[in-house]
Structures are given as structure tokens and as C-alpha cells.
Amino acid sequence: MLLDYPTEYDVHRYWQHVALGKIPRRGDGYPGAGSAIGIHGTDKENFNRLGINWTLGCISLLNHDMKELHALVPVGTLVYIKE
């Protein structure tokens, strides 16, 4: 499930993180703010269970949770993500 992202604030934070070296380069540049951010299942369910942040920006759910969410949430639903 792809998210309609980024906001103006997100773009500002993104470039701050580039300047601090927290965003890795890809090829000749940077991936860009909002580059394919989504909510998805995983082939690394143990990482999720252990609380390891491995997605580089996405939200990873256990596969059975992702299937349930996909069945419940229609396209266009507002998503609020809080740290």
C-alpha cells in the first residue's frame, strides 16, 4: 500500500538528513523524499517481532496483519504516522 507522501515538512526534514549524512546515496544521487514509501508485509517476520527497523522508511507488518489491513482499509484512507 503506497502512501501519498511527502508533505512540505517531510521534504524539509529529508534535506536536513541528507546534509547530516543520514540518507544513503543511490548511484549518482539520493532517492528523494517520498520515494516509494508504503505499508507492506515482509519476508523478515523475525525482524518485525524483534523490533528491528529495517525498511528504510516503510512500515512493515507481519504478513497476516497486512492481509487484514488491506481488507479493511479502502484506497484514499487518511494515514497518520506518529513516531
PDB file of N, CA and C in Angstrom:
ATOM      1  N   MET A   1       0.847  -1.158   0.000  1.00  0.00           N
ATOM      2  CA  MET A   1       0.000   0.000   0.000  1.00  0.00           C
ATOM      3  C   MET A   1       0.899   1.229   0.000  1.00  0.00           C
ATOM      4  N   LEU A   2       0.936   1.958  -1.124  1.00  0.00           N
ATOM      5  CA  LEU A   2       1.765   3.158  -1.203  1.00  0.00           C
ATOM      6  C   LEU A   2       1.067   4.327  -0.526  1.00  0.00           C
ATOM      7  N   LEU A   3       1.858   5.214   0.049  1.00  0.00           N
ATOM      8  CA  LEU A   3       1.332   6.382   0.750  1.00  0.00           C
ATOM      9  C   LEU A   3       1.544   7.641  -0.083  1.00  0.00           C
ATOM     10  N   ASP A   4       0.592   8.558  -0.009  1.00  0.00           N
ATOM     11  CA  ASP A   4       0.706   9.855  -0.664  1.00  0.00           C
ATOM     12  C   ASP A   4       1.584  10.729   0.219  1.00  0.00           C
ATOM     13  N   TYR A   5       2.825  10.784  -0.114  1.00  0.00           N
ATOM     14  CA  TYR A   5       3.848  11.362   0.740  1.00  0.00           C
ATOM     15  C   TYR A   5       4.892  11.976  -0.168  1.00  0.00           C
ATOM     16  N   PRO A   6       5.512  13.053   0.119  1.00  0.00           N
ATOM     17  CA  PRO A   6       5.731  13.720   1.388  1.00  0.00           C
ATOM     18  C   PRO A   6       4.963  15.045   1.506  1.00  0.00           C
ATOM     19  N   THR A   7       4.912  15.546   2.730  1.00  0.00           N
ATOM     20  CA  THR A   7       4.408  16.895   2.977  1.00  0.00           C
ATOM     21  C   THR A   7       5.586  17.868   2.850  1.00  0.00           C
ATOM     22  N   GLU A   8       5.306  19.155   2.895  1.00  0.00           N
ATOM     23  CA  GLU A   8       6.369  20.157   2.841  1.00  0.00           C
ATOM     24  C   GLU A   8       7.361  19.978   3.999  1.00  0.00           C
ATOM     25  N   TYR A   9       6.831  19.679   5.170  1.00  0.00           N
ATOM     26  CA  TYR A   9       7.676  19.442   6.342  1.00  0.00           C
ATOM     27  C   TYR A   9       8.572  18.224   6.129  1.00  0.00           C
ATOM     28  N   ASP A  10       8.011  17.170   5.542  1.00  0.00           N
ATOM     29  CA  ASP A  10       8.794  15.962   5.283  1.00  0.00           C
ATOM     30  C   ASP A  10       9.955  16.243   4.335  1.00  0.00           C
ATOM     31  N   VAL A  11       9.707  17.056   3.304  1.00  0.00           N
ATOM     32  CA  VAL A  11      10.772  17.406   2.356  1.00  0.00           C
ATOM     33  C   VAL A  11      11.880  18.172   3.069  1.00  0.00           C
ATOM     34  N   HIS A  12      11.503  19.098   3.930  1.00  0.00           N
ATOM     35  CA  HIS A  12      12.490  19.856   4.706  1.00  0.00           C
ATOM     36  C   HIS A  12      13.344  18.912   5.571  1.00  0.00           C
ATOM     37  N   ARG A  13      12.685  18.012   6.293  1.00  0.00           N
ATOM     38  CA  ARG A  13      13.412  17.047   7.142  1.00  0.00           C
ATOM     39  C   ARG A  13      14.315  16.154   6.308  1.00  0.00           C
ATOM     40  N   TYR A  14      13.835  15.750   5.138  1.00  0.00           N
ATOM     41  CA  TYR A  14      14.622  14.898   4.248  1.00  0.00           C
ATOM     42  C   TYR A  14      15.952  15.569   3.910  1.00  0.00           C
ATOM     43  N   TRP A  15      15.904  16.833   3.466  1.00  0.00           N
ATOM     44  CA  TRP A  15      17.137  17.515   3.076  1.00  0.00           C
ATOM     45  C   TRP A  15      18.035  17.787   4.272  1.00  0.00           C
ATOM     46  N   GLN A  16      17.464  17.967   5.446  1.00  0.00           N
ATOM     47  CA  GLN A  16      18.284  18.081   6.657  1.00  0.00           C
ATOM     48  C   GLN A  16      19.055  16.777   6.875  1.00  0.00           C
ATOM     49  N   HIS A  17      18.375  15.641   6.710  1.00  0.00           N
ATOM     50  CA  HIS A  17      19.030  14.345   6.907  1.00  0.00           C
ATOM     51  C   HIS A  17      20.076  14.063   5.827  1.00  0.00           C
ATOM     52  N   VAL A  18      19.845  14.518   4.597  1.00  0.00           N
ATOM     53  CA  VAL A  18      20.865  14.395   3.555  1.00  0.00           C
ATOM     54  C   VAL A  18      22.111  15.150   3.986  1.00  0.00           C
ATOM     55  N   ALA A  19      21.931  16.391   4.451  1.00  0.00           N
ATOM     56  CA  ALA A  19      23.064  17.220   4.867  1.00  0.00           C
ATOM     57  C   ALA A  19      23.838  16.594   6.027  1.00  0.00           C
ATOM     58  N   LEU A  20      23.139  15.856   6.894  1.00  0.00           N
ATOM     59  CA  LEU A  20      23.785  15.217   8.041  1.00  0.00           C
ATOM     60  C   LEU A  20      24.376  13.850   7.690  1.00  0.00           C
ATOM     61  N   GLY A  21      24.208  13.414   6.440  1.00  0.00           N
ATOM     62  CA  GLY A  21      24.744  12.121   6.020  1.00  0.00           C
ATOM     63  C   GLY A  21      23.909  10.928   6.455  1.00  0.00           C
ATOM     64  N   LYS A  22      22.658  11.164   6.832  1.00  0.00           N
ATOM     65  CA  LYS A  22      21.797  10.075   7.299  1.00  0.00           C
ATOM     66  C   LYS A  22      21.028   9.391   6.170  1.00  0.00           C
ATOM     67  N   ILE A  23      21.055   9.958   4.975  1.00  0.00           N
ATOM     68  CA  ILE A  23      20.377   9.365   3.816  1.00  0.00           C
ATOM     69  C   ILE A  23      21.460   8.820   2.893  1.00  0.00           C
ATOM     70  N   PRO A  24      21.438   7.521   2.610  1.00  0.00           N
ATOM     71  CA  PRO A  24      22.483   6.946   1.749  1.00  0.00           C
ATOM     72  C   PRO A  24      22.286   7.342   0.283  1.00  0.00           C
ATOM     73  N   ARG A  25      23.390   7.536  -0.414  1.00  0.00           N
ATOM     74  CA  ARG A  25      23.338   7.809  -1.851  1.00  0.00           C
ATOM     75  C   ARG A  25      22.945   6.534  -2.584  1.00  0.00           C
ATOM     76  N   ARG A  26      22.301   6.721  -3.718  1.00  0.00           N
ATOM     77  CA  ARG A  26      21.971   5.605  -4.612  1.00  0.00           C
ATOM     78  C   ARG A  26      22.447   5.993  -6.007  1.00  0.00           C
ATOM     79  N   GLY A  27      23.463   5.312  -6.475  1.00  0.00           N
ATOM     80  CA  GLY A  27      24.010   5.666  -7.780  1.00  0.00           C
ATOM     81  C   GLY A  27      24.604   7.058  -7.750  1.00  0.00           C
ATOM     82  N   ASP A  28      24.111   7.913  -8.644  1.00  0.00           N
ATOM     83  CA  ASP A  28      24.649   9.274  -8.768  1.00  0.00           C
ATOM     84  C   ASP A  28      23.961  10.287  -7.867  1.00  0.00           C
ATOM     85  N   GLY A  29      22.987   9.879  -7.071  1.00  0.00           N
ATOM     86  CA  GLY A  29      22.273  10.853  -6.263  1.00  0.00           C
ATOM     87  C   GLY A  29      21.573  10.229  -5.080  1.00  0.00           C
ATOM     88  N   TYR A  30      20.527  10.889  -4.638  1.00  0.00           N
ATOM     89  CA  TYR A  30      19.748  10.440  -3.495  1.00  0.00           C
ATOM     90  C   TYR A  30      18.378   9.979  -3.976  1.00  0.00           C
ATOM     91  N   PRO A  31      17.729   9.085  -3.239  1.00  0.00           N
ATOM     92  CA  PRO A  31      16.458   8.539  -3.708  1.00  0.00           C
ATOM     93  C   PRO A  31      15.327   9.555  -3.768  1.00  0.00           C
ATOM     94  N   GLY A  32      15.398  10.619  -2.996  1.00  0.00           N
ATOM     95  CA  GLY A  32      14.339  11.630  -2.976  1.00  0.00           C
ATOM     96  C   GLY A  32      13.349  11.361  -1.860  1.00  0.00           C
ATOM     97  N   ALA A  33      12.796  12.432  -1.351  1.00  0.00           N
ATOM     98  CA  ALA A  33      11.789  12.303  -0.289  1.00  0.00           C
ATOM     99  C   ALA A  33      10.533  11.667  -0.867  1.00  0.00           C
ATOM    100  N   GLY A  34       9.980  10.724  -0.149  1.00  0.00           N
ATOM    101  CA  GLY A  34       8.749  10.093  -0.593  1.00  0.00           C
ATOM    102  C   GLY A  34       8.947   9.036  -1.648  1.00  0.00           C
ATOM    103  N   SER A  35      10.119   8.528  -1.736  1.00  0.00           N
ATOM    104  CA  SER A  35      10.442   7.533  -2.742  1.00  0.00           C
ATOM    105  C   SER A  35       9.874   6.169  -2.374  1.00  0.00           C
ATOM    106  N   ALA A  36       8.685   5.867  -2.912  1.00  0.00           N
ATOM    107  CA  ALA A  36       8.049   4.556  -2.746  1.00  0.00           C
ATOM    108  C   ALA A  36       7.876   4.157  -1.282  1.00  0.00           C
ATOM    109  N   ILE A  37       7.355   5.068  -0.474  1.00  0.00           N
ATOM    110  CA  ILE A  37       7.088   4.768   0.929  1.00  0.00           C
ATOM    111  C   ILE A  37       5.729   4.088   1.024  1.00  0.00           C
ATOM    112  N   GLY A  38       5.661   3.025   1.784  1.00  0.00           N
ATOM    113  CA  GLY A  38       4.402   2.308   1.889  1.00  0.00           C
ATOM    114  C   GLY A  38       4.280   1.472   3.139  1.00  0.00           C
ATOM    115  N   ILE A  39       3.181   0.780   3.198  1.00  0.00           N
ATOM    116  CA  ILE A  39       2.907  -0.190   4.262  1.00  0.00           C
ATOM    117  C   ILE A  39       2.873  -1.540   3.567  1.00  0.00           C
ATOM    118  N   HIS A  40       3.668  -2.487   4.060  1.00  0.00           N
ATOM    119  CA  HIS A  40       3.772  -3.769   3.354  1.00  0.00           C
ATOM    120  C   HIS A  40       4.041  -4.915   4.322  1.00  0.00           C
ATOM    121  N   GLY A  41       3.894  -6.112   3.800  1.00  0.00           N
ATOM    122  CA  GLY A  41       4.265  -7.317   4.534  1.00  0.00           C
ATOM    123  C   GLY A  41       5.774  -7.504   4.460  1.00  0.00           C
ATOM    124  N   THR A  42       6.226  -8.691   4.842  1.00  0.00           N
ATOM    125  CA  THR A  42       7.670  -8.897   4.941  1.00  0.00           C
ATOM    126  C   THR A  42       8.069 -10.344   4.707  1.00  0.00           C
ATOM    127  N   ASP A  43       9.299 -10.512   4.290  1.00  0.00           N
ATOM    128  CA  ASP A  43       9.903 -11.842   4.281  1.00  0.00           C
ATOM    129  C   ASP A  43      10.862 -11.969   5.469  1.00  0.00           C
ATOM    130  N   LYS A  44      10.826 -10.956   6.364  1.00  0.00           N
ATOM    131  CA  LYS A  44      11.707 -10.924   7.546  1.00  0.00           C
ATOM    132  C   LYS A  44      10.856 -10.781   8.808  1.00  0.00           C
ATOM    133  N   GLU A  45       9.910 -11.672   8.998  1.00  0.00           N
ATOM    134  CA  GLU A  45       8.987 -11.533  10.128  1.00  0.00           C
ATOM    135  C   GLU A  45       9.701 -11.519  11.467  1.00  0.00           C
ATOM    136  N   ASN A  46      10.829 -12.217  11.596  1.00  0.00           N
ATOM    137  CA  ASN A  46      11.587 -12.175  12.852  1.00  0.00           C
ATOM    138  C   ASN A  46      12.105 -10.779  13.148  1.00  0.00           C
ATOM    139  N   PHE A  47      12.533 -10.042  12.112  1.00  0.00           N
ATOM    140  CA  PHE A  47      12.984  -8.669  12.321  1.00  0.00           C
ATOM    141  C   PHE A  47      11.849  -7.835  12.908  1.00  0.00           C
ATOM    142  N   ASN A  48      10.654  -8.007  12.366  1.00  0.00           N
ATOM    143  CA  ASN A  48       9.497  -7.263  12.885  1.00  0.00           C
ATOM    144  C   ASN A  48       9.232  -7.627  14.343  1.00  0.00           C
ATOM    145  N   ARG A  49       9.244  -8.905  14.646  1.00  0.00           N
ATOM    146  CA  ARG A  49       8.971  -9.347  16.020  1.00  0.00           C
ATOM    147  C   ARG A  49       9.993  -8.808  17.004  1.00  0.00           C
ATOM    148  N   LEU A  50      11.250  -8.652  16.536  1.00  0.00           N
ATOM    149  CA  LEU A  50      12.322  -8.161  17.402  1.00  0.00           C
ATOM    150  C   LEU A  50      12.391  -6.639  17.444  1.00  0.00           C
ATOM    151  N   GLY A  51      11.542  -5.961  16.654  1.00  0.00           N
ATOM    152  CA  GLY A  51      11.535  -4.503  16.647  1.00  0.00           C
ATOM    153  C   GLY A  51      12.693  -3.882  15.882  1.00  0.00           C
ATOM    154  N   ILE A  52      13.278  -4.645  14.954  1.00  0.00           N
ATOM    155  CA  ILE A  52      14.390  -4.130  14.155  1.00  0.00           C
ATOM    156  C   ILE A  52      13.826  -3.256  13.035  1.00  0.00           C
ATOM    157  N   ASN A  53      14.329  -2.029  12.925  1.00  0.00           N
ATOM    158  CA  ASN A  53      13.902  -1.111  11.883  1.00  0.00           C
ATOM    159  C   ASN A  53      14.747  -1.374  10.643  1.00  0.00           C
ATOM    160  N   TRP A  54      14.200  -2.075   9.669  1.00  0.00           N
ATOM    161  CA  TRP A  54      14.979  -2.495   8.515  1.00  0.00           C
ATOM    162  C   TRP A  54      14.443  -1.955   7.195  1.00  0.00           C
ATOM    163  N   THR A  55      13.372  -1.165   7.206  1.00  0.00           N
ATOM    164  CA  THR A  55      12.672  -0.852   5.961  1.00  0.00           C
ATOM    165  C   THR A  55      13.119   0.397   5.226  1.00  0.00           C
ATOM    166  N   LEU A  56      13.950   1.232   5.803  1.00  0.00           N
ATOM    167  CA  LEU A  56      14.381   2.483   5.171  1.00  0.00           C
ATOM    168  C   LEU A  56      13.215   3.416   4.890  1.00  0.00           C
ATOM    169  N   GLY A  57      12.244   3.436   5.791  1.00  0.00           N
ATOM    170  CA  GLY A  57      11.152   4.399   5.673  1.00  0.00           C
ATOM    171  C   GLY A  57       9.757   3.824   5.631  1.00  0.00           C
ATOM    172  N   CYS A  58       9.622   2.603   5.179  1.00  0.00           N
ATOM    173  CA  CYS A  58       8.299   1.984   5.102  1.00  0.00           C
ATOM    174  C   CYS A  58       7.849   1.486   6.473  1.00  0.00           C
ATOM    175  N   ILE A  59       6.605   1.057   6.508  1.00  0.00           N
ATOM    176  CA  ILE A  59       6.067   0.393   7.685  1.00  0.00           C
ATOM    177  C   ILE A  59       5.869  -1.061   7.305  1.00  0.00           C
ATOM    178  N   SER A  60       6.514  -1.937   8.019  1.00  0.00           N
ATOM    179  CA  SER A  60       6.417  -3.360   7.737  1.00  0.00           C
ATOM    180  C   SER A  60       5.552  -4.037   8.795  1.00  0.00           C
ATOM    181  N   LEU A  61       4.596  -4.803   8.330  1.00  0.00           N
ATOM    182  CA  LEU A  61       3.714  -5.565   9.213  1.00  0.00           C
ATOM    183  C   LEU A  61       3.949  -7.048   8.995  1.00  0.00           C
ATOM    184  N   LEU A  62       3.579  -7.846   9.990  1.00  0.00           N
ATOM    185  CA  LEU A  62       3.562  -9.289   9.764  1.00  0.00           C
ATOM    186  C   LEU A  62       2.572  -9.557   8.635  1.00  0.00           C
ATOM    187  N   ASN A  63       2.848 -10.563   7.838  1.00  0.00           N
ATOM    188  CA  ASN A  63       2.038 -10.811   6.643  1.00  0.00           C
ATOM    189  C   ASN A  63       0.560 -10.993   6.945  1.00  0.00           C
ATOM    190  N   HIS A  64       0.212 -11.701   8.010  1.00  0.00           N
ATOM    191  CA  HIS A  64      -1.214 -11.889   8.310  1.00  0.00           C
ATOM    192  C   HIS A  64      -1.866 -10.573   8.720  1.00  0.00           C
ATOM    193  N   ASP A  65      -1.112  -9.684   9.385  1.00  0.00           N
ATOM    194  CA  ASP A  65      -1.637  -8.365   9.743  1.00  0.00           C
ATOM    195  C   ASP A  65      -1.826  -7.501   8.494  1.00  0.00           C
ATOM    196  N   MET A  66      -0.898  -7.612   7.536  1.00  0.00           N
ATOM    197  CA  MET A  66      -1.005  -6.853   6.296  1.00  0.00           C
ATOM    198  C   MET A  66      -2.239  -7.274   5.507  1.00  0.00           C
ATOM    199  N   LYS A  67      -2.494  -8.560   5.449  1.00  0.00           N
ATOM    200  CA  LYS A  67      -3.686  -9.054   4.741  1.00  0.00           C
ATOM    201  C   LYS A  67      -4.960  -8.513   5.382  1.00  0.00           C
ATOM    202  N   GLU A  68      -4.993  -8.474   6.711  1.00  0.00           N
ATOM    203  CA  GLU A  68      -6.171  -7.957   7.415  1.00  0.00           C
ATOM    204  C   GLU A  68      -6.334  -6.459   7.157  1.00  0.00           C
ATOM    205  N   LEU A  69      -5.237  -5.699   7.238  1.00  0.00           N
ATOM    206  CA  LEU A  69      -5.299  -4.262   6.995  1.00  0.00           C
ATOM    207  C   LEU A  69      -5.773  -3.977   5.573  1.00  0.00           C
ATOM    208  N   HIS A  70      -5.228  -4.698   4.615  1.00  0.00           N
ATOM    209  CA  HIS A  70      -5.598  -4.499   3.212  1.00  0.00           C
ATOM    210  C   HIS A  70      -7.091  -4.735   2.993  1.00  0.00           C
ATOM    211  N   ALA A  71      -7.656  -5.696   3.687  1.00  0.00           N
ATOM    212  CA  ALA A  71      -9.084  -5.998   3.556  1.00  0.00           C
ATOM    213  C   ALA A  71      -9.961  -4.925   4.217  1.00  0.00           C
ATOM    214  N   LEU A  72      -9.436  -4.225   5.206  1.00  0.00           N
ATOM    215  CA  LEU A  72     -10.221  -3.255   5.975  1.00  0.00           C
ATOM    216  C   LEU A  72     -10.127  -1.812   5.490  1.00  0.00           C
ATOM    217  N   VAL A  73      -9.038  -1.458   4.811  1.00  0.00           N
ATOM    218  CA  VAL A  73      -8.757  -0.049   4.518  1.00  0.00           C
ATOM    219  C   VAL A  73      -8.937   0.236   3.029  1.00  0.00           C
ATOM    220  N   PRO A  74      -9.905   1.099   2.681  1.00  0.00           N
ATOM    221  CA  PRO A  74     -10.088   1.434   1.264  1.00  0.00           C
ATOM    222  C   PRO A  74      -9.046   2.445   0.775  1.00  0.00           C
ATOM    223  N   VAL A  75      -8.825   2.473  -0.532  1.00  0.00           N
ATOM    224  CA  VAL A  75      -7.943   3.462  -1.152  1.00  0.00           C
ATOM    225  C   VAL A  75      -8.462   4.850  -0.803  1.00  0.00           C
ATOM    226  N   GLY A  76      -7.548   5.756  -0.463  1.00  0.00           N
ATOM    227  CA  GLY A  76      -7.917   7.116  -0.125  1.00  0.00           C
ATOM    228  C   GLY A  76      -8.040   7.372   1.366  1.00  0.00           C
ATOM    229  N   THR A  77      -7.870   6.330   2.177  1.00  0.00           N
ATOM    230  CA  THR A  77      -7.939   6.486   3.631  1.00  0.00           C
ATOM    231  C   THR A  77      -6.768   7.335   4.118  1.00  0.00           C
ATOM    232  N   LEU A  78      -7.060   8.309   4.963  1.00  0.00           N
ATOM    233  CA  LEU A  78      -6.017   9.143   5.546  1.00  0.00           C
ATOM    234  C   LEU A  78      -5.166   8.295   6.502  1.00  0.00           C
ATOM    235  N   VAL A  79      -3.864   8.396   6.365  1.00  0.00           N
ATOM    236  CA  VAL A  79      -2.936   7.649   7.213  1.00  0.00           C
ATOM    237  C   VAL A  79      -2.109   8.664   8.000  1.00  0.00           C
ATOM    238  N   TYR A  80      -2.105   8.525   9.301  1.00  0.00           N
ATOM    239  CA  TYR A  80      -1.295   9.370  10.178  1.00  0.00           C
ATOM    240  C   TYR A  80      -0.271   8.484  10.847  1.00  0.00           C
ATOM    241  N   ILE A  81       1.000   8.803  10.637  1.00  0.00           N
ATOM    242  CA  ILE A  81       2.085   8.008  11.206  1.00  0.00           C
ATOM    243  C   ILE A  81       2.780   8.859  12.253  1.00  0.00           C
ATOM    244  N   LYS A  82       2.865   8.322  13.442  1.00  0.00           N
ATOM    245  CA  LYS A  82       3.477   9.033  14.558  1.00  0.00           C
ATOM    246  C   LYS A  82       4.640   8.227  15.089  1.00  0.00           C
ATOM    247  N   GLU A  83       5.742   8.916  15.362  1.00  0.00           N
ATOM    248  CA  GLU A  83       6.919   8.233  15.926  1.00  0.00           C
ATOM    249  C   GLU A  83       6.663   7.847  17.349  1.00  0.00           C
TER     250      GLU A  83
END
